[in-house]
Protein backbone atom coordinates (compact mmCIF):
# COMPACT_ATOMS: atom_id res chain seq x y z
CA UNK A 1 -7.42 -20.77 23.72
CA UNK A 2 -5.29 -17.71 24.44
CA UNK A 3 -4.50 -15.15 22.12
CA UNK A 4 -0.38 -15.48 21.70
CA UNK A 5 2.41 -14.68 19.65
CA UNK A 6 5.53 -16.43 18.64
CA UNK A 7 9.10 -16.05 17.44
CA UNK A 8 10.61 -16.53 14.45
CA UNK A 9 12.70 -20.37 13.79
CA UNK A 10 15.85 -21.14 16.13
CA UNK A 11 18.42 -20.12 12.50
CA UNK A 12 16.20 -16.05 12.79
CA UNK A 13 14.93 -15.51 9.78
CA UNK A 14 11.36 -16.63 8.78
CA UNK A 15 10.43 -20.95 8.09
CA UNK A 16 10.81 -20.22 4.58
CA UNK A 17 14.63 -21.26 5.32
CA UNK A 18 16.72 -24.15 4.18
CA UNK A 19 16.79 -25.39 7.39
CA UNK A 20 13.75 -25.26 8.10
CA UNK A 21 12.53 -26.76 5.21
CA UNK A 22 14.56 -29.78 5.42
CA UNK A 23 13.27 -30.41 9.07
CA UNK A 24 9.51 -30.67 8.21
CA UNK A 25 8.10 -33.06 11.29
CA UNK A 26 5.23 -34.58 11.04
CA UNK A 27 2.08 -32.99 10.36
CA UNK A 28 -0.26 -32.05 13.38
CA UNK A 29 -3.60 -30.57 12.98
CA UNK A 30 -5.95 -27.81 14.98
CA UNK A 31 -9.07 -26.50 14.28
CA UNK A 32 -10.38 -22.65 13.98
CA UNK A 33 -13.75 -21.04 12.59
CA UNK A 34 -11.43 -18.20 9.93
CA UNK A 35 -7.88 -19.08 9.37
CA UNK A 36 -6.56 -16.10 8.07
CA UNK A 37 -3.67 -15.69 5.94
CA UNK A 38 -1.30 -12.28 6.22
CA UNK A 39 -0.93 -10.26 9.19
CA UNK A 40 -0.51 -7.49 7.41
CA UNK A 41 -2.91 -4.34 6.82
CA UNK A 42 -6.03 -6.31 5.79
CA UNK A 43 -5.65 -9.50 7.86
CA UNK A 44 -4.99 -7.02 11.19
CA UNK A 45 -8.78 -5.17 10.27
CA UNK A 46 -10.22 -8.75 9.90
CA UNK A 47 -8.50 -10.28 12.78
CA UNK A 48 -9.80 -7.60 15.55
CA UNK A 49 -13.54 -7.20 13.38
CA UNK A 50 -14.50 -10.82 13.40
CA UNK A 51 -12.73 -11.34 17.31
CA UNK A 52 -15.93 -9.02 17.87
CA UNK A 53 -18.31 -11.85 18.04
CA UNK A 54 -16.83 -14.49 21.14
CA UNK A 55 -17.95 -17.07 19.61
CA UNK A 56 -15.59 -17.17 17.01
CA UNK A 57 -12.38 -18.77 16.59
CA UNK A 58 -9.40 -17.58 14.33
CA UNK A 59 -6.47 -18.01 13.80
CA UNK A 60 -4.07 -15.41 12.22
CA UNK A 61 -1.19 -16.97 10.31
CA UNK A 62 2.21 -14.49 10.03
CA UNK A 63 5.36 -15.14 7.93
CA UNK A 64 7.56 -12.79 9.15
CA UNK A 65 8.48 -11.77 13.08
CA UNK A 66 6.12 -9.96 15.13
CA UNK A 67 6.90 -5.66 15.14
CA UNK A 68 8.59 -5.12 18.38
CA UNK A 69 11.27 -2.85 16.89
CA UNK A 70 12.08 1.01 17.35
CA UNK A 71 12.43 1.30 13.27
CA UNK A 72 9.33 0.49 12.91
CA UNK A 73 7.61 3.04 15.32
CA UNK A 74 10.09 5.72 14.88
CA UNK A 75 8.43 7.66 11.36
CA UNK A 76 11.89 8.97 9.87
CA UNK A 77 13.44 5.69 10.00
CA UNK A 78 11.36 3.74 7.09
CA UNK A 79 14.44 4.17 4.60
CA UNK A 80 15.46 1.52 7.01
CA UNK A 81 12.74 -0.80 6.54
CA UNK A 82 12.35 -0.44 2.91
CA UNK A 83 16.82 -1.07 2.48
CA UNK A 84 16.54 -4.08 4.43
CA UNK A 85 14.89 -7.31 4.64
CA UNK A 86 14.22 -8.08 8.20
CA UNK A 87 10.92 -7.31 7.97
CA UNK A 88 10.69 -7.46 3.81
CA UNK A 89 9.83 -9.43 1.84
CA UNK A 90 12.00 -7.29 -0.49
CA UNK A 91 11.13 -8.85 -3.55
CA UNK A 92 12.18 -7.79 -7.07
CA UNK A 93 10.89 -7.75 -10.06
CA UNK A 94 11.75 -9.51 -13.86
CA UNK A 95 13.78 -7.71 -16.22
CA UNK A 96 11.33 -4.13 -16.81
CA UNK A 97 10.72 -4.37 -20.69
CA UNK A 98 9.84 -1.44 -21.39
CA UNK A 99 12.39 0.60 -18.47
CA UNK A 100 15.53 -0.62 -20.38
CA UNK A 101 15.58 -4.35 -18.94
CA UNK A 102 15.74 -2.83 -15.47
CA UNK A 103 14.71 -4.63 -12.56
CA UNK A 104 12.91 -2.57 -9.41
CA UNK A 105 12.88 -3.43 -5.90
CA UNK A 106 9.21 -4.03 -4.19
CA UNK A 107 9.77 -3.75 -0.54
CA UNK A 108 6.61 -5.18 0.92
CA UNK A 109 5.82 -5.71 4.79
CA UNK A 110 6.27 -9.46 6.63
CA UNK A 111 5.72 -8.67 9.81
CA UNK A 112 2.64 -7.56 11.81
CA UNK A 113 1.48 -5.52 9.97
CA UNK A 114 2.37 -5.68 6.60
CA UNK A 115 3.55 -2.68 4.88
CA UNK A 116 1.29 -0.56 7.48
CA UNK A 117 5.05 -1.20 9.58
CA UNK A 118 6.98 -0.37 7.04
CA UNK A 119 5.42 2.00 4.75
CA UNK A 120 5.77 5.89 4.73
CA UNK A 121 2.46 6.61 6.38
CA UNK A 122 0.46 8.55 3.59
CA UNK A 123 -2.60 8.52 4.53
CA UNK A 124 -4.98 8.90 1.10
CA UNK A 125 -8.15 8.01 0.49
CA UNK A 126 -7.89 7.84 -3.20
CA UNK A 127 -10.90 10.22 -5.39
CA UNK A 128 -14.51 9.84 -4.83
CA UNK A 129 -15.22 9.17 -8.49
CA UNK A 130 -12.38 5.72 -7.90
CA UNK A 131 -15.16 3.66 -6.14
CA UNK A 132 -18.03 5.35 -8.39
CA UNK A 133 -16.36 3.45 -11.36
CA UNK A 134 -15.89 0.50 -8.89
CA UNK A 135 -19.96 0.47 -9.11
CA UNK A 136 -20.77 1.94 -12.28
CA UNK A 137 -18.62 -1.56 -13.37
CA UNK A 138 -21.42 -3.35 -11.80
CA UNK A 139 -19.94 -4.12 -8.24
CA UNK A 140 -22.72 -2.77 -6.42
CA UNK A 141 -22.38 -1.74 -3.19
CA UNK A 142 -19.03 0.15 -3.59
CA UNK A 143 -19.41 3.56 -4.86
CA UNK A 144 -18.31 6.02 -3.09
CA UNK A 145 -21.63 6.84 -0.86
CA UNK A 146 -21.37 2.74 0.00
CA UNK A 147 -17.64 3.40 0.86
CA UNK A 148 -17.24 6.60 2.74
CA UNK A 149 -18.92 4.82 6.37
CA UNK A 150 -16.09 1.97 6.26
CA UNK A 151 -13.50 5.03 5.70
CA UNK A 152 -14.69 6.99 9.04
CA UNK A 153 -15.78 3.56 10.77
CA UNK A 154 -11.84 3.04 10.75
CA UNK A 155 -10.15 6.67 11.50
CA UNK A 156 -9.77 8.13 14.13
CA UNK A 157 -9.07 12.15 12.65
CA UNK A 158 -7.12 14.51 15.31
CA UNK A 159 -10.07 16.82 13.50
CA UNK A 160 -12.32 14.24 13.11
CA UNK A 161 -15.44 13.85 13.33
CA UNK A 162 -17.17 15.45 10.09
CA UNK A 163 -18.91 14.39 7.16
CA UNK A 164 -15.76 13.00 5.59
CA UNK A 165 -14.09 11.84 8.92
CA UNK A 166 -14.24 9.79 12.36
CA UNK A 167 -12.84 10.47 15.42
CA UNK A 168 -13.17 7.40 17.24
CA UNK A 169 -11.93 4.90 14.80
CA UNK A 170 -8.91 2.83 15.49
CA UNK A 171 -6.68 3.89 12.93
CA UNK A 172 -5.14 7.21 14.25
CA UNK A 173 -4.28 9.90 11.67
CA UNK A 174 -2.56 13.10 12.00
CA UNK A 175 -3.32 16.19 9.89
CA UNK A 176 0.24 17.97 9.86
CA UNK A 177 0.94 22.21 9.73
CA UNK A 178 1.26 23.04 6.35
CA UNK A 179 3.19 25.91 7.63
CA UNK A 180 5.11 23.87 9.42
CA UNK A 181 8.13 23.95 7.22
CA UNK A 182 10.09 26.75 5.12
CA UNK A 183 10.60 25.01 1.98
CA UNK A 184 6.71 22.77 2.79
CA UNK A 185 5.22 27.11 3.05
CA UNK A 186 7.46 28.18 -0.36
CA UNK A 187 6.04 24.69 -1.90
CA UNK A 188 2.29 25.71 -1.55
CA UNK A 189 2.95 28.91 -3.29
CA UNK A 190 4.70 27.97 -5.91
CA UNK A 191 1.44 26.21 -6.33
CA UNK A 192 -1.25 29.30 -5.86
CA UNK A 193 0.98 31.02 -8.35
CA UNK A 194 1.12 28.37 -11.02
CA UNK A 195 -2.62 28.62 -10.53
CA UNK A 196 -3.30 26.08 -9.08
CA UNK A 197 -6.67 26.08 -5.94
CA UNK A 198 -5.24 24.78 -2.59
CA UNK A 199 -7.33 22.29 -0.45
CA UNK A 200 -8.29 22.52 3.11
CA UNK A 201 -8.04 18.64 3.16
CA UNK A 202 -7.68 16.25 -0.19
CA UNK A 203 -9.14 13.51 1.65
CA UNK A 204 -12.69 15.72 2.02
CA UNK A 205 -15.01 18.11 -0.84
CA UNK A 206 -11.97 18.57 -2.61
CA UNK A 207 -9.24 16.54 -3.59
CA UNK A 208 -8.10 18.46 -6.27
CA UNK A 209 -5.34 21.50 -5.00
CA UNK A 210 -2.61 21.05 -2.90
CA UNK A 211 -2.07 20.92 1.02
CA UNK A 212 -1.31 18.92 4.02
CA UNK A 213 -1.12 15.55 3.90
CA UNK A 214 -2.16 13.01 6.93
CA UNK A 215 -0.67 10.34 8.30
CA UNK A 216 -0.73 7.74 10.22
CA UNK A 217 0.68 8.46 13.18
CA UNK A 218 -0.30 9.33 16.62
CA UNK A 219 2.91 11.44 19.22
CA UNK A 220 5.36 11.00 16.78
CA UNK A 221 4.54 7.36 16.31
CA UNK A 222 3.80 5.30 13.39
CA UNK A 223 0.11 3.52 14.08
CA UNK A 224 0.60 0.77 11.81
CA UNK A 225 -3.00 -1.94 11.48
CA UNK A 226 -1.03 -4.06 13.73
CA UNK A 227 -1.13 -1.23 16.66
CA UNK A 228 -4.45 0.23 15.21
CA UNK A 229 -6.31 -3.05 15.32
CA UNK A 230 -4.26 -6.04 16.06
CA UNK A 231 -2.64 -5.58 19.36
CA UNK A 232 -6.05 -4.22 21.70
CA UNK A 233 -7.36 -7.89 19.88
CA UNK A 234 -4.64 -9.85 21.20
CA UNK A 235 -6.67 -10.09 24.50
CA UNK A 236 -9.50 -12.06 22.93
CA UNK A 237 -8.88 -16.20 24.24
CA UNK A 238 -10.60 -16.54 20.79
CA UNK A 239 -8.04 -15.30 18.20
CA UNK A 240 -4.40 -16.90 18.18
CA UNK A 241 -1.69 -15.25 16.35
CA UNK A 242 1.21 -16.97 15.13
CA UNK A 243 4.20 -15.20 13.28
CA UNK A 244 7.30 -17.08 11.42
CA UNK A 245 4.22 -18.66 9.95
CA UNK A 246 4.22 -19.83 6.22
CA UNK A 247 1.86 -20.91 4.95
CA UNK A 248 2.00 -23.78 1.85
CA UNK A 249 -1.34 -24.24 0.48
CA UNK A 250 -4.83 -23.70 0.66
CA UNK A 251 -6.13 -26.98 1.03
CA UNK A 252 -9.60 -27.36 -1.32
CA UNK A 253 -12.00 -30.20 -0.65
CA UNK A 254 -15.18 -30.88 -2.93
CA UNK A 255 -15.07 -27.26 -4.20
CA UNK A 256 -14.27 -25.66 -0.63
CA UNK A 257 -11.83 -23.99 1.15
CA UNK A 258 -11.43 -26.56 4.09
CA UNK A 259 -8.07 -25.35 5.84
CA UNK A 260 -4.38 -24.39 5.35
CA UNK A 261 -1.04 -26.21 5.17
CA UNK A 262 1.87 -24.27 6.76
CA UNK A 263 5.04 -24.55 8.29
CA UNK A 264 6.67 -23.37 11.54
CA UNK A 265 9.78 -23.75 13.52
CA UNK A 266 9.98 -26.99 11.68
CA UNK A 267 6.70 -28.31 12.13
CA UNK A 268 3.66 -29.31 9.55
CA UNK A 269 0.65 -28.10 10.68
CA UNK A 270 -2.89 -28.39 8.67
CA UNK A 271 -5.18 -25.61 10.16
CA UNK A 272 -8.53 -27.11 9.73
CA UNK A 273 -11.31 -24.13 9.17
CA UNK A 274 -15.00 -24.72 9.68
CA UNK A 275 -16.33 -21.31 7.64
CA UNK A 276 -13.64 -20.74 5.64
CA UNK A 277 -10.12 -20.01 4.66
CA UNK A 278 -8.74 -15.57 3.95
CA UNK A 279 -6.05 -14.98 2.13
CA UNK A 280 -4.79 -11.47 2.71
CA UNK A 281 -1.30 -11.91 1.88
CA UNK A 282 -1.10 -8.62 -0.04
CA UNK A 283 -1.23 -7.89 -4.79
CA UNK A 284 1.90 -10.19 -4.73
CA UNK A 285 1.52 -12.54 -1.95
CA UNK A 286 -1.96 -14.13 -2.37
CA UNK A 287 -2.31 -14.66 -6.18
CA UNK A 288 1.02 -16.60 -5.55
CA UNK A 289 -0.31 -18.62 -2.93
CA UNK A 290 -3.96 -19.22 -4.87
CA UNK A 291 -1.17 -20.25 -7.52
CA UNK A 292 0.50 -22.90 -4.94
CA UNK A 293 -2.73 -24.21 -3.67
CA UNK A 294 -3.91 -24.99 -7.92
CA UNK A 295 -5.94 -22.04 -8.52
CA UNK A 296 -5.10 -20.43 -11.80
CA UNK A 297 -4.37 -20.08 -14.75
CA UNK A 298 -4.11 -23.75 -16.15
CA UNK A 299 -0.48 -22.70 -18.32
CA UNK A 300 1.13 -21.10 -15.43
CA UNK A 301 0.02 -23.79 -12.93
CA UNK A 302 1.71 -26.18 -15.19
CA UNK A 303 4.50 -24.57 -16.06
CA UNK A 304 5.26 -24.62 -11.90
CA UNK A 305 4.83 -28.28 -11.59
CA UNK A 306 1.80 -27.38 -9.65
CA UNK A 307 -1.76 -29.77 -10.23
CA UNK A 308 -5.12 -27.61 -11.64
CA UNK A 309 -7.14 -27.16 -8.92
CA UNK A 310 -9.55 -24.42 -10.10
CA UNK A 311 -8.93 -23.26 -13.33
CA UNK A 312 -9.08 -18.82 -13.10
CA UNK A 313 -7.62 -17.23 -15.41
CA UNK A 314 -7.46 -13.98 -13.59
CA UNK A 315 -4.99 -14.85 -10.49
CA UNK A 316 -1.94 -13.33 -11.21
CA UNK A 317 -3.07 -11.00 -13.79
CA UNK A 318 -3.92 -7.08 -14.17
CA UNK A 319 -1.05 -6.22 -11.33
CA UNK A 320 -1.34 -2.48 -11.40
CA UNK A 321 0.77 0.39 -9.46
CA UNK A 322 1.61 3.84 -9.10
CA UNK A 323 5.04 4.73 -11.24
CA UNK A 324 6.95 7.72 -9.35
CA UNK A 325 9.68 9.41 -10.39
CA UNK A 326 11.32 12.95 -8.78
CA UNK A 327 12.77 15.71 -9.27
CA UNK A 328 15.25 17.08 -7.27
CA UNK A 329 17.07 20.85 -6.26
CA UNK A 330 19.95 22.08 -4.58
CA UNK A 331 18.58 24.12 -1.76
CA UNK A 332 20.44 27.70 -1.45
CA UNK A 333 19.35 28.21 2.18
CA UNK A 334 20.26 25.88 5.02
CA UNK A 335 16.71 25.28 5.74
CA UNK A 336 15.98 21.74 4.57
CA UNK A 337 16.53 18.50 6.69
CA UNK A 338 19.75 18.20 6.03
CA UNK A 339 21.33 19.50 9.06
CA UNK A 340 19.27 17.66 11.00
CA UNK A 341 20.12 14.65 9.53
CA UNK A 342 23.60 14.45 10.13
CA UNK A 343 26.36 14.10 12.83
CA UNK A 344 26.04 15.50 16.40
CA UNK A 345 21.96 16.96 14.64
CA UNK A 346 21.07 13.59 13.78
CA UNK A 347 21.97 12.05 17.47
CA UNK A 348 20.30 15.08 19.44
CA UNK A 349 17.28 13.87 16.44
CA UNK A 350 17.16 10.68 17.80
CA UNK A 351 17.08 11.72 21.19
CA UNK A 352 14.61 13.88 20.93
CA UNK A 353 12.45 10.93 19.83
CA UNK A 354 13.40 8.39 22.18
CA UNK A 355 12.74 10.96 25.21
CA UNK A 356 8.84 11.86 23.94
CA UNK A 357 8.10 10.87 19.97
CA UNK A 358 9.09 14.62 19.19
CA UNK A 359 11.23 16.10 16.84
CA UNK A 360 12.30 15.56 13.12
CA UNK A 361 12.41 11.81 14.04
CA UNK A 362 8.08 12.22 15.19
CA UNK A 363 7.44 12.82 10.92
CA UNK A 364 7.11 11.62 7.98
CA UNK A 365 8.55 14.37 6.00
CA UNK A 366 5.59 13.93 3.25
CA UNK A 367 3.63 17.06 4.65
CA UNK A 368 2.87 18.91 2.04
CA UNK A 369 1.53 17.70 -1.77
CA UNK A 370 -1.06 17.56 -4.20
CA UNK A 371 -3.34 16.60 -6.78
CA UNK A 372 -3.61 18.33 -10.46
CA UNK A 373 -5.07 16.86 -13.71
CA UNK A 374 -2.64 16.41 -16.85
CA UNK A 375 -4.71 17.71 -19.65
CA UNK A 376 -7.92 19.35 -20.07
CA UNK A 377 -10.27 16.45 -20.62
CA UNK A 378 -9.50 14.59 -17.28
CA UNK A 379 -12.25 14.55 -14.96
CA UNK A 380 -10.12 14.21 -11.90
CA UNK A 381 -6.60 14.32 -10.61
CA UNK A 382 -4.83 12.01 -12.69
CA UNK A 383 -1.18 13.39 -10.70
CA UNK A 384 -0.33 13.36 -7.63
CA UNK A 385 2.86 15.13 -5.63
CA UNK A 386 4.61 15.29 -3.21
CA UNK A 387 6.63 17.44 -1.37
CA UNK A 388 9.63 16.10 0.62
CA UNK A 389 12.47 18.76 2.14
CA UNK A 390 15.51 17.05 1.36
CA UNK A 391 16.61 15.00 -1.92
CA UNK A 392 17.06 11.20 -1.53
CA UNK A 393 19.78 9.71 -4.00
CA UNK A 394 18.27 7.96 -6.42
CA UNK A 395 17.43 4.62 -5.98
CA UNK A 396 18.86 4.64 -2.14
CA UNK A 397 17.54 5.92 1.01
CA UNK A 398 20.62 7.96 1.51
CA UNK A 399 20.15 11.81 0.57
CA UNK A 400 22.80 13.87 -1.41
CA UNK A 401 25.21 15.02 0.47
CA UNK A 402 23.88 18.63 0.64
CA UNK A 403 21.00 21.10 1.67
CA UNK A 404 18.45 20.20 -1.44
CA UNK A 405 14.74 18.79 -1.64
CA UNK A 406 12.61 17.25 -4.10
CA UNK A 407 8.88 15.91 -5.67
CA UNK A 408 7.64 12.88 -6.25
CA UNK A 409 5.68 12.80 -9.56
CA UNK A 410 3.28 9.73 -9.25
CA UNK A 411 0.47 8.79 -12.49
CA UNK A 412 -2.14 7.92 -10.73
CA UNK A 413 -4.88 5.45 -13.29
CA UNK A 414 -1.62 4.28 -14.65
CA UNK A 415 -2.89 1.99 -18.27
CA UNK A 416 -0.27 -0.65 -18.44
CA UNK A 417 -0.63 -4.03 -16.69
CA UNK A 418 1.90 -6.22 -15.32
CA UNK A 419 1.42 -10.22 -13.98
CA UNK A 420 2.84 -12.09 -10.80
CA UNK A 421 3.43 -16.00 -11.87
CA UNK A 422 4.75 -18.81 -9.41
CA UNK A 423 8.11 -20.27 -10.73
CA UNK A 424 8.13 -23.17 -8.88
CA UNK A 425 5.87 -25.16 -6.57
CA UNK A 426 8.25 -24.57 -3.65
CA UNK A 427 6.33 -21.71 -1.46
CA UNK A 428 10.07 -20.21 -0.64
CA UNK A 429 10.91 -19.37 -4.64
CA UNK A 430 9.81 -15.85 -4.86
CA UNK A 431 7.13 -15.72 -8.23
CA UNK A 432 7.89 -13.86 -11.14
CA UNK A 433 7.27 -10.30 -11.16
CA UNK A 434 6.57 -8.04 -14.27
CA UNK A 435 4.55 -4.15 -13.73
CA UNK A 436 5.36 -3.91 -17.27
CA UNK A 437 5.70 0.45 -16.58
CA UNK A 438 5.47 2.45 -19.90
CA UNK A 439 3.72 -0.46 -21.79
CA UNK A 440 1.17 1.82 -22.43
CA UNK A 441 2.27 4.65 -24.45
CA UNK A 442 -0.47 7.07 -22.75
CA UNK A 443 1.56 6.65 -19.55
CA UNK A 444 4.17 8.02 -21.40
CA UNK A 445 2.80 11.18 -22.34
CA UNK A 446 0.93 11.83 -18.80
CA UNK A 447 4.13 11.27 -17.08
CA UNK A 448 6.39 13.48 -19.51
CA UNK A 449 3.48 16.26 -18.95
CA UNK A 450 4.02 15.78 -15.76
CA UNK A 451 7.33 16.69 -15.82
CA UNK A 452 6.73 20.11 -17.46
CA UNK A 453 3.59 21.18 -15.01
CA UNK A 454 5.69 19.95 -11.80
CA UNK A 455 8.76 21.73 -13.63
CA UNK A 456 5.89 25.21 -13.75
CA UNK A 457 5.47 25.04 -10.11
CA UNK A 458 9.35 24.99 -9.11
CA UNK A 459 10.20 27.81 -11.11
CA UNK A 460 7.52 30.28 -9.83
CA UNK A 461 8.53 33.06 -7.14
CA UNK A 462 7.88 31.90 -4.38
CA UNK A 463 10.62 29.36 -4.42
CA UNK A 464 13.10 32.00 -5.79
CA UNK A 465 15.19 32.13 -2.45
CA UNK A 466 15.66 28.66 -1.93
CA UNK A 467 16.25 27.06 -5.80
CA UNK A 468 19.54 25.82 -6.54
CA UNK A 469 20.42 24.00 -9.52
CA UNK A 470 18.17 21.51 -10.70
CA UNK A 471 19.80 17.74 -9.82
CA UNK A 472 17.07 15.45 -11.16
CA UNK A 473 16.86 15.39 -14.27
CA UNK A 474 19.12 18.58 -14.42
CA UNK A 475 19.11 21.65 -17.05
CA UNK A 476 19.64 19.18 -19.67
CA UNK A 477 16.65 17.64 -20.17
CA UNK A 478 14.57 19.27 -22.04
CA UNK A 479 12.86 17.64 -25.49
CA UNK A 480 10.58 14.60 -25.57
CA UNK A 481 12.75 11.95 -26.28
CA UNK A 482 15.62 12.88 -23.65
CA UNK A 483 12.39 13.51 -21.13
CA UNK A 484 11.49 9.98 -21.99
CA UNK A 485 14.69 8.95 -21.81
CA UNK A 486 14.94 9.96 -18.09
CA UNK A 487 11.93 9.08 -17.20
CA UNK A 488 12.76 4.89 -18.10
CA UNK A 489 15.77 5.53 -15.96
CA UNK A 490 14.93 6.75 -12.85
CA UNK A 491 10.34 5.57 -12.98
CA UNK A 492 10.32 3.21 -9.75
CA UNK A 493 7.58 1.63 -7.54
CA UNK A 494 5.42 4.18 -5.83
CA UNK A 495 4.91 0.74 -3.46
CA UNK A 496 1.46 0.22 -4.36
CA UNK A 497 0.29 -3.07 -5.97
CA UNK A 498 -2.70 -3.73 -6.54
CA UNK A 499 -5.24 -5.72 -9.13
CA UNK A 500 -4.15 -9.10 -9.03
CA UNK A 501 -7.19 -10.99 -7.19
CA UNK A 502 -9.53 -8.36 -9.05
CA UNK A 503 -13.27 -8.30 -8.39
CA UNK A 504 -15.20 -8.77 -11.04
CA UNK A 505 -19.25 -8.92 -10.70
CA UNK A 506 -18.80 -12.26 -12.93
CA UNK A 507 -16.68 -14.84 -13.29
CA UNK A 508 -15.88 -14.58 -17.22
CA UNK A 509 -12.14 -14.67 -16.76
CA UNK A 510 -11.62 -11.52 -16.16
CA UNK A 511 -11.99 -11.43 -12.11
CA UNK A 512 -10.87 -13.32 -8.81
CA UNK A 513 -13.92 -12.68 -6.24
CA UNK A 514 -16.65 -11.17 -6.52
CA UNK A 515 -18.15 -8.10 -5.01
CA UNK A 516 -18.16 -9.72 -1.45
CA UNK A 517 -14.12 -10.83 -1.95
CA UNK A 518 -15.53 -14.25 -2.39
CA UNK A 519 -13.60 -16.31 -4.63
CA UNK A 520 -15.45 -17.29 -8.07
CA UNK A 521 -16.14 -20.91 -8.03
CA UNK A 522 -15.10 -22.10 -4.52
CA UNK A 523 -16.75 -22.09 -1.50
CA UNK A 524 -15.64 -20.72 2.49
CA UNK A 525 -12.37 -19.39 -0.06
CA UNK A 526 -12.06 -15.20 0.43
CA UNK A 527 -9.28 -12.43 -0.70
CA UNK A 528 -9.23 -9.80 1.10
CA UNK A 529 -6.18 -7.21 0.68
CA UNK A 530 -5.40 -4.71 -2.36
CA UNK A 531 -5.13 -7.56 -4.88
CA UNK A 532 -8.66 -7.71 -5.41
CA UNK A 533 -9.15 -3.54 -5.84
CA UNK A 534 -11.06 -3.77 -10.13
CA UNK A 535 -8.82 -0.51 -10.45
CA UNK A 536 -6.15 1.00 -8.85
CA UNK A 537 -6.94 3.84 -6.40
CA UNK A 538 -5.87 7.56 -7.43
CA UNK A 539 -4.29 8.23 -4.34
CA UNK A 540 -1.76 5.81 -1.88
CA UNK A 541 -3.13 2.58 -1.03
CA UNK A 542 -3.07 1.59 2.73
CA UNK A 543 -6.41 3.55 3.91
CA UNK A 544 -8.32 2.03 0.77
CA UNK A 545 -7.40 -1.21 1.86
CA UNK A 546 -7.98 -0.83 5.51
CA UNK A 547 -11.60 0.34 4.52
CA UNK A 548 -12.43 -2.75 1.91
CA UNK A 549 -11.42 -4.80 5.23
CA UNK A 550 -13.96 -3.18 7.20
CA UNK A 551 -16.68 -3.61 4.82
CA UNK A 552 -15.47 -7.57 3.65
CA UNK A 553 -15.42 -8.13 7.31
CA UNK A 554 -19.07 -6.94 7.47
CA UNK A 555 -19.39 -9.29 4.56
CA UNK A 556 -17.90 -12.46 5.73
CA UNK A 557 -20.05 -12.25 9.08
CA UNK A 558 -23.23 -11.42 7.48
CA UNK A 559 -23.91 -8.23 8.50
CA UNK A 560 -26.12 -5.75 6.91
CA UNK A 561 -23.82 -2.91 5.47
CA UNK A 562 -22.92 0.77 7.04
CA UNK A 563 -25.82 3.07 5.61
CA UNK A 564 -24.61 5.03 2.32
CA UNK A 565 -23.77 8.58 3.21
CA UNK A 566 -25.56 9.85 -0.02
CA UNK A 567 -25.08 13.20 1.23
CA UNK A 568 -21.82 14.01 1.36
CA UNK A 569 -20.71 16.71 -1.17
CA UNK A 570 -17.50 16.05 -3.58
CA UNK A 571 -15.51 19.23 -5.82
CA UNK A 572 -15.37 17.81 -9.46
CA UNK A 573 -13.68 20.75 -11.55
CA UNK A 574 -16.61 22.27 -13.42
CA UNK A 575 -14.49 23.22 -16.36
CA UNK A 576 -12.53 20.10 -16.46
CA UNK A 577 -13.43 19.27 -20.12
CA UNK A 578 -11.96 22.65 -21.37
CA UNK A 579 -9.25 23.51 -18.97
CA UNK A 580 -6.29 21.73 -17.04
CA UNK A 581 -6.80 23.88 -13.89
């Protein structure tokens, strides 16, 4: 069967549109070994790895379109992708009860490559202790020594290979030059002046410290999971890729997933799965689809008018994310990105990229950052900061209209938890999404502390030649109460939702899948994406999601895991119990 990619329905949007729903034709059927739901980061990896076996047939279903737009491939155009719904599910949360009732936008990729086709391209793995704690919680085979070989297998790092990095994997990883920008260099020097260490590689031995932030680009172009994994595999006759295909449910018979029902171009299709179904819809889409299929908490399903097929209370629970706040300053010298993003210089920047992938448009501009501990007694970094050489108006993708810079602060291990719950049996209806940011008072304390720590760095002598007035939060925000109020009004998502199909060793009501990503109590059904993270990692989530899909592909194929790497050193500050830095 020839590999193929198809366009959306004739009305120009996903087949969830009203026209497609009202023109459903009689059901037809097809059969495959595996059906993968979702062409995002995990789905692309799985489709490529499973079809390495020529005898294995795979159908990959993606609700969105193909990834053909230049906006996807130009790194600096990511803002336009996040603000548009063409390649984006454009979810909106319910009123957040601890953010004064604000509703937050939550972009998620609706395109081949999923969120890796619209994200900020930051390549961060999290800390080694994240994975060791997963293993200590009962998930054998998920320690840092176990997962590092899969990070290395996935990665084609420009400086690899070495004990921490792969050099010939499909996912291109570029290491920017920390000295390439005036403001970035000054920020690094300011961090050192404030007493923080520098790290030559925050994905290597030492995460704690400040240095370069790797990104998934090559030759000035985004290197999404679709580009890395799916496109090379699409020449295989045993892989079928369908875009514009909205899955309505997973079919369950006799305690086993037997296939899926999806709608494409007004046609209802049953795809039979001889070996099983893999759900890779992400931390919002995967629990939504399980619930639509009758898998979840009975009360949630009954309220939505869905019959219970399999009781799993944790479906849609445990939603977690990295909350993000931003401190901004005017820049006293014309060395920010503002000049290159306006007028004739903006046109020249675009032309430079179109002609050879060069210049400012070929960067995500998240090139410098760091990881620090909020206080003494924290074993490994719980705060991530990312420097950007231009300030963006809060809640938008537009700059502030003058030379400026900003620093993002992300709380790495927040305690607050939310949920994803379907509101209707209609697959086209978005679910109820509540993150409950700042529900736990420890999160409020940590973010308040992070503002004080970052202001200290930004006040160092290295930034004095450039440091203009603080734009956000502003000099009037000083007391605990003032900082707390500003955080409630300024907090945004870091685009890292996880945990809603949580991985756990036992079917005890707290998890959805086991350590092999198999849904508890059902045969032939896996969930593989960021939703299965048992706890959020201390860093961006795309690289860990790709790693998890690499590892899950071996489990699903019945292959032996890659040998653990037990002799790779990891830095932990020797005085972490008594010192903050």
